[in-house]
Amino acid sequence: MNHRRNNPLAVTGLTAALALSGAFLTACGGGANVAEPTPLTELTAPAYRMETVWKTDAGEGAGEYVSGFDPAIGGDRIYVANLDGYVVALNLETGKRIWRSRTGNRLIAGPTVAGGLLLMGTRDGEIVALSANTGEREWTAELSSEIIAAPAANGELAVARTLDGRLVALDLTTGKRRWTIERSVPTLTLRGTSSPVIDDGTVYAGLDNGKVLALDVNTGEERWSQAIAFPSGRSELERIVDIDADPLVIGNELYAVSAGGQLASLATTSGRVRWKQSVASEQGLSYDERNIYATDRDSDLQAINRLTGSASWEQDGLKYRELTGPTLYEGDLVAGDYEGYVHWLSADDGSVIARGHVFDEPIRSQPIVVGNRVIVLGAFGEIAALRFAPNGDR
């Protein structure tokens, strides 16, 4: 099955449109080199094999659209939203469907599980809230523009980021608006946004201008703002600094990465920069006690020391395979790719421990680990629970 990747650029304004069309003409005019994905080589006597615990069709998925769809875990259930407006609840243990709800909305992000609700964003600028128990609609809130990243939520509020640069807080029970803040959006941005993160009374958000913003969750009052990447270069394309990966908060440390080429560690209390490292990424981050792990825009997987910001190792053997962000599994790392493979890599040096082919469709969503299982979602709606078992173990 051959799936084309959707163009990730969102264009506003004549200047950006001209810059973008010029880039396309260059690429199509004969002379531009298109990077080919690295072919996979057979692993020599891998110690582990991938096993599919269950696999099922959860709906249409996102197809070729850039989306914020990710599976969400709530208790003994997995929830999945689809481009056709359906949301399904599956049994985590067996993959069997519990319910399926037709919203009638053009869903594009979510779900988020919070306070007995499922929260989804739509292409028409709405937040749709369903009962996690039954799939029945609880409320709908209309915002200013498309919501392409899953909302964040605590026990009282949901916070959503809109494509036009707004952060909006809604009452989790009623959907009524509590506060709104607005920041300018650059002329040309990647099609995508990061989800806000709520931690200890603060909302952290990565913005398209390369800044991280910290707000009081109850009032929307700004606590600090810090730039981690600055626009540079002559063209609008070269000046892209979007933060499209969710900020990662670990205690009093915050990690954020820009498509413009910077991974930074910040102090959550002040926004002070602890260190920066040259990494360009749009994918979600992962961590252990030693390192931050990131997949860069060329699909090189990198480990960065949490204390110093120095590079621990880099795995470039999967270059241009459109890897997802990595997820920690059994002390090591798993990531999906554009051909439906899942790769298990050593956290010590990035070497490939094992791999398996799950779907005949791309995996764009960062894998989720629940116990000893890895949950992966295909771009066209298949979902599977996997585990890696030692070879020879029956």
Foldseek 3Di string as FASTA:
>chain_A
DDADADAFKDFFDDQRVVLVVVVVCVVPVPDDDDDDWFDDDDDDPFQWAKDFQDKDFQFQFQGNDQAAWDWDDDDQWIWTAHQQQKIWIAGNNYRHTPDIERPVFRFGHDFDDAQQWTWTWGQQQKIWIAGPVYRHTQDMEHDDGGFRHYWEDYHFWTWTAHPQAKIWIAGPRYRHTQDMDGDHADRMETNAAEYWYDDDQWIWGWAFQQKIWIARNRHRHTQEIDHFDAADDDGPVLGGWGFREYWDDDPQWIWTATLNFKIFIAGNNYRHTQDIDGAHPNAYWEDDPFWIWFQGPQRKIWTAGPNRRHTQEIHCSRTNQQWHYWYAAPQWTWIWGAQQKIFTAGPNYGHTSYMDRDDRGGFHHYWDDDPQWIWTAGNRGMITIMHMDGPPDD
